[in-house]
Amino acid sequence: MSEPTRWAGVAATAVTIAVMAAGCGSSSSLASKTPSQIVAAAESATKSATSYEISGSGTASTGVNSFDLKVVGADISGSYVLNGATVDMVKVASNIYIKAPASFYTAEGASAAGAELLGGVWVEITAGSSYASNFSSLSNITDIPSKLSSTTATFTSDGTGTVDGRSVVFLKDTTSGDIVAIATSGPAYPLQLKETGSTAGTYDLSNWNSVATFTAPPNPVKLPSA
């Protein structure tokens, strides 16, 4: 299942760039702060965040066209579209569960019989198995504080505006050209990322601290632990 791993890296990149620009402060003070001050405030703001949602669509060599993920701590629930197949996914307590059509498994190299068996049902990928390692990049999406502390990106101010009716301040990554929109009222969480270049796309971040917890799906088919 190499494609989900590469997809996870693409999604993680989107989150990384967006969150690096996050910050906190009032609408009157945030827009007047320097980009470096906003980035410094971001680490403090996101360390206290318990959940969020990220969704978007764009261009990726992996074949992923769009995704919508809810994150609560280290757990993830949502779906993505890969080469035309919609894959539902839940990650709870390090175990991964996916539900996808038979065509997904066929594209991944499964036999016709295997694809028929797994298609349309929840499949459990146990933590520590060789299959689970293919999804290891998913953890990159949830570890926001470490991204903030390790960022080397350089941002410049790119004005103010609105996103989804909310006032924001824009920061631009001088290396990639990507632009992030940071809320200027309440905690200054990132609300949107616009990527440029070969992975051009728009990604929205929302529901900070308001995503409900979720559980593993019942009665999944368990893959071998090899």
Protein backbone atom coordinates (compact mmCIF):
# COMPACT_ATOMS: atom_id res chain seq x y z
CA MET A 1 0.00 0.00 0.00
CA SER A 2 2.65 2.47 -1.02
CA GLU A 3 0.27 5.12 -2.36
CA PRO A 4 -1.36 5.86 1.04
CA THR A 5 2.09 6.41 2.47
CA ARG A 6 3.01 8.91 -0.24
CA TRP A 7 -0.37 10.58 0.16
CA ALA A 8 0.20 10.97 3.88
CA GLY A 9 3.44 12.80 3.13
CA VAL A 10 1.62 15.23 0.83
CA ALA A 11 -1.04 15.88 3.45
CA ALA A 12 1.57 16.30 6.16
CA THR A 13 3.40 18.88 4.04
CA ALA A 14 0.22 20.89 3.75
CA VAL A 15 -0.33 20.80 7.49
CA THR A 16 3.31 21.60 8.22
CA ILE A 17 3.37 24.76 6.14
CA ALA A 18 0.00 25.94 7.44
CA VAL A 19 0.73 25.38 11.07
CA MET A 20 4.18 26.92 10.95
CA ALA A 21 2.46 30.23 10.37
CA ALA A 22 -0.11 29.86 13.13
CA GLY A 23 -0.18 32.30 16.02
CA CYS A 24 -2.35 33.81 18.68
CA GLY A 25 -3.44 37.32 19.56
CA SER A 26 -6.22 39.83 19.11
CA SER A 27 -7.34 41.26 15.77
CA SER A 28 -5.68 44.57 16.62
CA SER A 29 -2.31 43.13 17.62
CA LEU A 30 -1.77 40.14 15.37
CA ALA A 31 -1.71 42.02 12.06
CA SER A 32 0.89 44.39 13.45
CA LYS A 33 3.26 41.66 14.61
CA THR A 34 6.22 40.53 12.54
CA PRO A 35 6.07 37.13 10.82
CA SER A 36 8.69 35.79 13.22
CA GLN A 37 6.59 36.89 16.19
CA ILE A 38 3.54 35.14 14.75
CA VAL A 39 5.51 31.94 14.23
CA ALA A 40 6.85 32.15 17.79
CA ALA A 41 3.30 32.54 19.14
CA ALA A 42 2.13 29.61 17.02
CA GLU A 43 3.99 26.99 19.02
CA SER A 44 2.32 28.09 22.24
CA ALA A 45 -1.14 28.25 20.64
CA THR A 46 -1.05 24.87 18.95
CA LYS A 47 0.40 23.01 21.92
CA SER A 48 -2.90 23.56 23.70
CA ALA A 49 -5.06 22.55 20.71
CA THR A 50 -6.77 19.20 21.16
CA SER A 51 -8.31 18.70 17.72
CA TYR A 52 -8.87 20.14 14.26
CA GLU A 53 -10.05 19.30 10.76
CA ILE A 54 -8.15 19.66 7.49
CA SER A 55 -9.71 19.32 4.06
CA GLY A 56 -8.67 20.26 0.59
CA SER A 57 -8.10 19.46 -3.03
CA GLY A 58 -5.19 19.92 -5.34
CA THR A 59 -2.71 18.31 -7.68
CA ALA A 60 -0.47 15.51 -6.47
CA SER A 61 1.65 12.92 -8.28
CA THR A 62 0.35 10.34 -5.80
CA GLY A 63 -3.06 10.38 -7.47
CA VAL A 64 -4.79 11.87 -4.43
CA ASN A 65 -7.31 14.49 -5.53
CA SER A 66 -8.82 15.48 -2.20
CA PHE A 67 -9.01 14.60 1.47
CA ASP A 68 -10.99 15.49 4.61
CA LEU A 69 -9.44 14.47 7.93
CA LYS A 70 -10.48 15.06 11.52
CA VAL A 71 -7.68 14.86 14.07
CA VAL A 72 -8.12 14.33 17.81
CA GLY A 73 -4.79 14.02 19.57
CA ALA A 74 -3.00 11.19 17.77
CA ASP A 75 -6.22 9.72 16.34
CA ILE A 76 -7.43 10.45 12.80
CA SER A 77 -10.74 9.89 11.03
CA GLY A 78 -11.79 10.86 7.54
CA SER A 79 -11.47 10.01 3.89
CA TYR A 80 -9.43 10.69 0.79
CA VAL A 81 -9.86 10.14 -2.93
CA LEU A 82 -7.03 8.17 -4.54
CA ASN A 83 -7.07 7.56 -8.29
CA GLY A 84 -10.83 7.87 -8.31
CA ALA A 85 -11.44 5.57 -5.31
CA THR A 86 -12.81 6.99 -2.07
CA VAL A 87 -11.04 5.50 0.95
CA ASP A 88 -12.50 5.90 4.45
CA MET A 89 -9.91 5.74 7.21
CA VAL A 90 -9.76 5.67 11.00
CA LYS A 91 -6.61 5.59 13.13
CA VAL A 92 -7.25 4.79 16.78
CA ALA A 93 -4.71 3.68 19.40
CA SER A 94 -2.12 3.25 16.63
CA ASN A 95 -4.29 0.73 14.76
CA ILE A 96 -5.45 1.75 11.29
CA TYR A 97 -8.77 0.88 9.70
CA ILE A 98 -9.67 1.49 6.07
CA LYS A 99 -12.75 0.85 3.95
CA ALA A 100 -12.33 1.05 0.20
CA PRO A 101 -13.86 -0.39 -2.95
CA ALA A 102 -12.44 -3.52 -4.56
CA SER A 103 -10.88 -1.36 -7.29
CA PHE A 104 -8.60 0.21 -4.68
CA TYR A 105 -7.16 -3.16 -3.67
CA THR A 106 -6.82 -4.27 -7.27
CA ALA A 107 -4.78 -1.13 -8.00
CA GLU A 108 -2.63 -1.95 -4.96
CA GLY A 109 -1.79 -5.37 -6.41
CA ALA A 110 -4.32 -7.59 -4.64
CA SER A 111 -5.71 -10.62 -6.43
CA ALA A 112 -9.26 -10.52 -7.75
CA ALA A 113 -10.37 -12.80 -4.93
CA GLY A 114 -8.60 -10.72 -2.31
CA ALA A 115 -10.03 -7.47 -3.67
CA GLU A 116 -13.51 -8.95 -3.64
CA LEU A 117 -13.07 -10.06 -0.01
CA LEU A 118 -11.82 -6.70 1.24
CA GLY A 119 -13.80 -4.32 -0.93
CA GLY A 120 -16.47 -2.33 0.87
CA VAL A 121 -15.70 -3.59 4.39
CA TRP A 122 -13.62 -2.22 7.24
CA VAL A 123 -10.12 -3.70 7.29
CA GLU A 124 -7.94 -3.52 10.41
CA ILE A 125 -4.21 -2.93 10.01
CA THR A 126 -2.68 -3.73 13.38
CA ALA A 127 -0.04 -1.44 14.86
CA GLY A 128 3.44 -2.87 14.45
CA SER A 129 2.62 -4.93 11.36
CA SER A 130 4.43 -4.46 8.08
CA TYR A 131 1.22 -3.08 6.58
CA ALA A 132 0.94 -0.46 9.32
CA SER A 133 4.40 0.86 8.51
CA ASN A 134 3.04 1.95 5.13
CA PHE A 135 0.87 4.45 6.99
CA SER A 136 3.55 5.72 9.37
CA SER A 137 3.57 9.16 7.76
CA LEU A 138 0.09 9.77 9.13
CA SER A 139 1.63 10.60 12.49
CA ASN A 140 3.30 13.61 10.86
CA ILE A 141 -0.10 15.21 10.51
CA THR A 142 -0.81 15.22 14.23
CA ASP A 143 2.51 16.31 15.73
CA ILE A 144 2.03 20.04 15.25
CA PRO A 145 4.26 21.35 18.07
CA SER A 146 7.34 19.56 16.74
CA LYS A 147 6.81 21.10 13.32
CA LEU A 148 6.65 24.55 14.84
CA SER A 149 9.84 24.08 16.81
CA SER A 150 11.75 22.69 13.84
CA THR A 151 10.61 25.02 11.06
CA THR A 152 13.26 26.72 8.92
CA ALA A 153 10.84 28.49 6.58
CA THR A 154 11.05 32.26 6.14
CA PHE A 155 7.79 34.18 5.94
CA THR A 156 6.90 37.71 4.89
CA SER A 157 3.70 39.64 5.49
CA ASP A 158 1.20 39.44 2.63
CA GLY A 159 -1.61 41.70 3.79
CA THR A 160 -4.95 41.04 5.44
CA GLY A 161 -8.34 39.83 4.26
CA THR A 162 -11.08 37.32 5.02
CA VAL A 163 -11.44 33.54 4.75
CA ASP A 164 -14.84 31.96 5.22
CA GLY A 165 -16.10 35.23 6.65
CA ARG A 166 -13.33 35.54 9.22
CA SER A 167 -10.65 38.21 9.31
CA VAL A 168 -7.17 36.88 8.62
CA VAL A 169 -3.59 37.97 8.17
CA PHE A 170 -1.66 36.38 5.31
CA LEU A 171 1.93 35.17 5.47
CA LYS A 172 3.95 34.08 2.45
CA ASP A 173 6.70 31.47 2.44
CA THR A 174 9.51 33.19 0.56
CA THR A 175 10.96 29.88 -0.61
CA SER A 176 7.89 28.02 -1.88
CA GLY A 177 5.54 30.92 -2.52
CA ASP A 178 2.83 29.21 -0.44
CA ILE A 179 0.44 31.52 1.43
CA VAL A 180 -1.23 30.86 4.78
CA ALA A 181 -4.19 32.69 6.28
CA ILE A 182 -4.19 33.17 10.06
CA ALA A 183 -7.30 34.10 12.04
CA THR A 184 -7.02 37.48 13.75
CA SER A 185 -9.87 36.98 16.22
CA GLY A 186 -9.66 34.50 19.03
CA PRO A 187 -6.77 32.03 18.97
CA ALA A 188 -4.84 32.67 15.78
CA TYR A 189 -5.09 29.25 14.21
CA PRO A 190 -4.36 28.78 10.50
CA LEU A 191 -7.56 28.76 8.46
CA GLN A 192 -6.27 28.16 4.96
CA LEU A 193 -3.18 27.21 2.98
CA LYS A 194 -2.69 27.84 -0.71
CA GLU A 195 0.13 25.80 -2.22
CA THR A 196 1.78 26.70 -5.50
CA GLY A 197 3.87 24.83 -8.05
CA SER A 198 3.45 21.16 -8.95
CA THR A 199 1.32 20.48 -5.85
CA ALA A 200 -0.93 23.52 -6.27
CA GLY A 201 -4.04 23.30 -4.14
CA THR A 202 -6.14 24.90 -1.44
CA TYR A 203 -6.41 23.39 2.03
CA ASP A 204 -8.78 24.55 4.78
CA LEU A 205 -8.21 24.06 8.51
CA SER A 206 -11.21 24.36 10.81
CA ASN A 207 -12.98 23.11 13.93
CA TRP A 208 -10.01 23.74 16.16
CA ASN A 209 -10.69 22.17 19.59
CA SER A 210 -14.22 21.12 18.59
CA VAL A 211 -13.86 17.74 16.88
CA ALA A 212 -15.63 14.94 18.76
CA THR A 213 -13.71 11.83 19.69
CA PHE A 214 -14.28 8.68 17.66
CA THR A 215 -13.84 4.95 18.05
CA ALA A 216 -12.67 2.05 15.93
CA PRO A 217 -15.26 0.59 13.53
CA PRO A 218 -16.91 -2.65 14.69
CA ASN A 219 -16.08 -6.13 13.40
CA PRO A 220 -13.28 -5.30 10.95
CA VAL A 221 -11.51 -7.87 8.83
CA LYS A 222 -8.03 -8.25 10.27
CA LEU A 223 -5.04 -8.40 7.95
CA PRO A 224 -2.20 -10.76 8.88
CA SER A 225 0.32 -9.17 11.25
CA ALA A 226 3.30 -10.04 9.06
